[in-house]
Protein backbone atom coordinates (compact mmCIF):
# COMPACT_ATOMS: atom_id res chain seq x y z
CA MET A 1 33.16 29.06 7.21
CA THR A 2 30.88 31.15 5.03
CA ASN A 3 28.09 33.53 6.07
CA PHE A 4 25.00 32.81 3.99
CA VAL A 5 21.83 34.86 3.66
CA LEU A 6 19.14 32.78 1.93
CA VAL A 7 16.27 34.56 0.15
CA HIS A 8 13.13 32.66 -0.83
CA GLY A 9 11.02 33.22 -3.93
CA GLY A 10 7.38 34.15 -4.41
CA TRP A 11 4.43 32.59 -2.55
CA VAL A 12 6.63 30.80 -0.03
CA GLY A 13 8.59 31.65 3.12
CA GLY A 14 11.92 30.89 4.67
CA TRP A 15 10.70 27.41 5.62
CA TYR A 16 11.42 26.44 2.01
CA TRP A 17 15.14 26.61 2.85
CA ASN A 18 15.01 24.51 6.04
CA GLU A 19 16.67 21.35 4.74
CA VAL A 20 19.47 23.19 2.94
CA ALA A 21 20.04 25.58 5.85
CA ASP A 22 20.36 22.64 8.24
CA ARG A 23 22.95 21.01 6.01
CA LEU A 24 24.96 24.19 5.63
CA ARG A 25 24.98 24.74 9.40
CA LYS A 26 26.12 21.16 10.03
CA ALA A 27 28.98 21.82 7.61
CA GLY A 28 30.08 24.72 9.81
CA HIS A 29 28.59 27.68 7.97
CA ARG A 30 26.58 30.52 9.45
CA VAL A 31 23.13 30.81 7.85
CA GLU A 32 20.59 33.62 8.05
CA VAL A 33 17.25 32.81 6.41
CA ILE A 34 14.78 35.51 5.36
CA GLU A 35 11.67 34.15 7.05
CA GLN A 36 9.13 36.19 5.06
CA LEU A 37 9.57 38.84 2.40
CA PRO A 38 7.07 41.71 2.74
CA SER A 39 5.59 40.94 -0.69
CA GLY A 40 4.04 37.69 0.53
CA GLY A 41 1.41 37.19 3.23
CA THR A 42 -2.22 36.67 4.13
CA ASP A 43 -3.25 40.37 4.36
CA PRO A 44 -3.35 41.89 0.84
CA ALA A 45 -3.41 45.45 2.23
CA ALA A 46 -0.15 44.91 4.08
CA LEU A 47 1.92 43.50 1.22
CA GLY A 48 4.92 45.40 -0.11
CA GLY A 49 6.75 45.39 -3.41
CA LEU A 50 10.30 44.89 -4.59
CA ALA A 51 11.71 47.84 -2.64
CA ALA A 52 10.27 46.55 0.65
CA ASP A 53 11.68 43.10 -0.05
CA ALA A 54 15.11 44.55 -0.79
CA ASP A 55 15.01 46.55 2.44
CA ALA A 56 14.25 43.39 4.43
CA VAL A 57 17.20 41.58 2.87
CA ARG A 58 19.47 44.60 3.33
CA GLN A 59 18.67 44.62 7.04
CA ALA A 60 19.50 40.92 7.30
CA VAL A 61 22.80 41.36 5.46
CA GLU A 62 23.80 44.21 7.75
CA ARG A 63 22.68 42.27 10.83
CA VAL A 64 25.19 39.52 10.05
CA GLY A 65 27.96 42.09 10.33
CA GLU A 66 30.40 40.28 8.06
CA PRO A 67 30.66 39.72 4.29
CA VAL A 68 27.94 37.33 3.12
CA VAL A 69 27.15 35.02 0.25
CA LEU A 70 23.67 36.17 -0.77
CA VAL A 71 21.52 33.45 -2.35
CA GLY A 72 18.26 34.19 -4.15
CA HIS A 73 15.84 31.59 -5.50
CA SER A 74 13.34 32.39 -8.27
CA TYR A 75 11.80 35.82 -7.54
CA GLY A 76 14.49 36.15 -4.88
CA GLY A 77 16.87 36.90 -7.74
CA MET A 78 15.02 40.16 -8.35
CA VAL A 79 15.51 41.02 -4.69
CA ILE A 80 19.21 40.23 -4.38
CA THR A 81 19.92 42.23 -7.56
CA GLU A 82 18.87 45.33 -5.63
CA LEU A 83 21.89 44.74 -3.37
CA ALA A 84 24.39 44.34 -6.21
CA ASP A 85 26.53 47.19 -4.90
CA HIS A 86 26.20 46.49 -1.18
CA PRO A 87 29.69 46.41 0.38
CA ALA A 88 28.77 43.57 2.76
CA VAL A 89 27.87 41.17 -0.08
CA ALA A 90 30.91 39.13 -1.11
CA HIS A 91 29.15 36.94 -3.68
CA SER A 92 25.63 36.64 -5.13
CA VAL A 93 24.15 33.27 -6.10
CA TYR A 94 21.16 33.04 -8.43
CA LEU A 95 19.35 29.72 -8.03
CA ALA A 96 16.92 29.21 -10.92
CA ALA A 97 16.38 32.91 -10.34
CA PHE A 98 15.39 36.05 -12.19
CA TRP A 99 18.42 38.23 -12.85
CA PRO A 100 17.18 41.52 -14.29
CA GLN A 101 18.98 44.34 -15.96
CA ARG A 102 18.16 47.88 -14.92
CA GLY A 103 14.50 48.68 -15.51
CA GLN A 104 13.44 45.10 -16.26
CA LEU A 105 10.37 43.39 -14.80
CA VAL A 106 9.90 39.73 -13.90
CA MET A 107 7.71 38.94 -16.91
CA GLU A 108 10.29 40.32 -19.31
CA LEU A 109 12.70 37.60 -18.21
CA LEU A 110 10.60 34.59 -19.18
CA ALA A 111 12.25 34.39 -22.62
CA GLY A 112 9.08 35.28 -24.47
CA GLY A 113 7.19 32.24 -23.20
CA PRO A 114 3.50 32.22 -22.28
CA PRO A 115 2.49 33.37 -18.78
CA PRO A 116 2.27 30.48 -16.30
CA THR A 117 -1.08 28.72 -16.05
CA TRP A 118 -0.59 27.98 -12.34
CA VAL A 119 -0.83 31.57 -11.11
CA SER A 120 -3.47 34.27 -11.60
CA PRO A 121 -4.14 37.87 -10.50
CA HIS A 122 -6.93 38.63 -8.04
CA GLU A 123 -8.97 41.78 -7.51
CA ASP A 124 -7.35 42.39 -4.12
CA GLY A 125 -4.02 43.16 -5.78
CA THR A 126 -2.44 39.77 -5.25
CA LEU A 127 -1.14 36.98 -7.41
CA ARG A 128 -2.20 33.55 -6.20
CA THR A 129 -1.26 30.04 -7.16
CA THR A 130 -3.80 27.51 -8.36
CA ASP A 131 -5.71 25.25 -5.97
CA ASP A 132 -4.85 22.34 -8.29
CA LEU A 133 -1.98 20.89 -6.30
CA GLU A 134 -0.96 18.44 -8.99
CA LEU A 135 -0.72 21.19 -11.62
CA LEU A 136 1.37 23.19 -9.15
CA ARG A 137 3.58 20.20 -8.36
CA GLN A 138 4.21 19.53 -12.03
CA ALA A 139 5.22 23.15 -12.56
CA LEU A 140 7.39 23.65 -9.50
CA CYS A 141 8.61 20.31 -8.16
CA ALA A 142 7.76 17.44 -10.49
CA ASP A 143 10.73 15.50 -9.09
CA VAL A 144 9.15 15.48 -5.61
CA GLY A 145 6.41 12.93 -4.89
CA PRO A 146 2.84 14.14 -4.15
CA GLU A 147 2.92 12.91 -0.55
CA ARG A 148 5.96 15.13 0.09
CA ALA A 149 5.08 18.05 -2.17
CA TYR A 150 1.41 18.67 -1.38
CA PRO A 151 1.87 19.73 2.29
CA ASP A 152 4.39 22.36 1.17
CA LEU A 153 2.23 23.55 -1.72
CA ARG A 154 -0.71 24.03 0.65
CA ARG A 155 1.40 26.55 2.59
CA PHE A 156 1.70 28.93 -0.36
CA LEU A 157 0.71 32.54 0.33
CA PRO A 158 -0.69 35.37 -1.79
CA GLN A 159 2.00 37.48 -3.44
CA SER A 160 1.69 41.19 -4.21
CA VAL A 161 1.21 42.16 -7.85
CA ALA A 162 3.66 45.00 -7.18
CA SER A 163 6.49 42.51 -6.69
CA GLY A 164 6.06 41.51 -10.33
CA THR A 165 5.52 44.97 -11.78
CA ASP A 166 8.21 46.96 -9.93
CA PRO A 167 11.22 47.54 -12.21
CA SER A 168 14.69 46.56 -11.07
CA THR A 169 17.13 49.31 -10.14
CA ALA A 170 20.04 46.88 -10.78
CA PRO A 171 22.91 48.98 -9.43
CA ASP A 172 26.37 48.29 -10.80
CA ARG A 173 27.64 45.07 -9.29
CA GLY A 174 30.57 45.16 -6.92
CA HIS A 175 31.19 41.43 -6.37
CA PRO A 176 31.28 38.09 -8.27
CA THR A 177 28.21 36.02 -9.10
CA THR A 178 27.29 32.38 -9.58
CA TYR A 179 24.20 31.17 -11.43
CA ILE A 180 22.85 27.68 -10.67
CA ILE A 181 20.74 26.44 -13.57
CA CYS A 182 18.00 23.89 -12.81
CA GLU A 183 17.92 21.78 -15.95
CA GLN A 184 14.45 20.23 -15.46
CA ASP A 185 12.73 23.46 -14.46
CA ARG A 186 9.16 23.86 -15.76
CA ALA A 187 8.51 27.21 -14.04
CA LEU A 188 11.48 29.29 -15.18
CA PRO A 189 12.54 27.74 -18.50
CA PRO A 190 16.16 26.52 -18.61
CA ALA A 191 16.62 28.51 -21.83
CA ALA A 192 15.80 31.70 -19.94
CA GLN A 193 18.12 30.66 -17.12
CA GLU A 194 20.95 30.03 -19.58
CA GLN A 195 20.43 33.45 -21.08
CA MET A 196 20.66 35.17 -17.70
CA ALA A 197 23.50 32.95 -16.53
CA ALA A 198 25.68 34.09 -19.41
CA ALA A 199 26.52 37.21 -17.39
CA ALA A 200 27.65 35.26 -14.31
CA ASP A 201 31.24 34.70 -13.29
CA HIS A 202 30.50 31.04 -12.55
CA ARG A 203 27.79 28.65 -13.73
CA LEU A 204 26.66 25.41 -12.11
CA ARG A 205 23.91 22.99 -13.11
CA LEU A 206 21.61 20.71 -11.17
CA PRO A 207 19.36 18.07 -12.84
CA SER A 208 16.39 19.31 -10.82
CA SER A 209 13.01 20.98 -11.02
CA HIS A 210 12.48 24.57 -9.89
CA SER A 211 12.73 23.36 -6.27
CA PRO A 212 16.12 21.73 -5.68
CA MET A 213 15.99 22.70 -1.99
CA THR A 214 13.29 20.03 -1.70
CA SER A 215 14.23 17.51 -4.38
CA MET A 216 18.00 17.44 -3.88
CA PRO A 217 18.99 19.34 -0.72
CA ASP A 218 22.28 17.45 -0.35
CA GLU A 219 23.50 18.37 -3.82
CA LEU A 220 22.35 21.98 -3.45
CA ALA A 221 24.00 22.40 -0.05
CA ASP A 222 27.23 20.89 -1.42
CA ALA A 223 27.18 23.31 -4.36
CA LEU A 224 26.56 26.31 -2.11
CA GLY A 225 29.19 25.19 0.36
CA ARG A 226 31.86 25.48 -2.32
CA ILE A 227 31.06 29.14 -3.00
CA HIS A 228 33.01 31.82 -1.13
């Protein structure tokens, strides 16, 4: 039995993990899901940055009370990196996730590619995804049909600009890491993932889009279940 803490990425909430969390629990694991990072929400004035997100995850890790496997998806990789030296983290898993070095920002990790066309800054200090659901589906979950993807994409929330401009503190890591590369990812290019994954102790690959928790929850849960 493994204790998992699952950290979502930008614009979404813990609901994104539901299918994978259910599978892990049925396999006998304990699962704590971060329901909402402080950097995402409907009130722009109340949104936090990377430090607030890291604090929320730190509290969850300490609430479990036993060593955990900490899993971060997408922007969640920035967050779990802040806990690299936490004594209660036994293993970190980066799932198509940003893995910064000390002082790096999210945009510096996109391998020099152009900024995404499906997100834009707003005057209220937030980053918001496009209203074009098909453009968003193609970017994030092209291997999920529209009838399944659109309801999820409509749930996306504003994300604080600060979460993308706060530099990583990246403390020295005190535990092993696994990087899961999503080979059909159109949001975080596989080339960028490969570059970050080179520093991991273990590397796995899934033939999925940026959203394997939706497109292949069985395969993702199986992969996570083998990590200790």
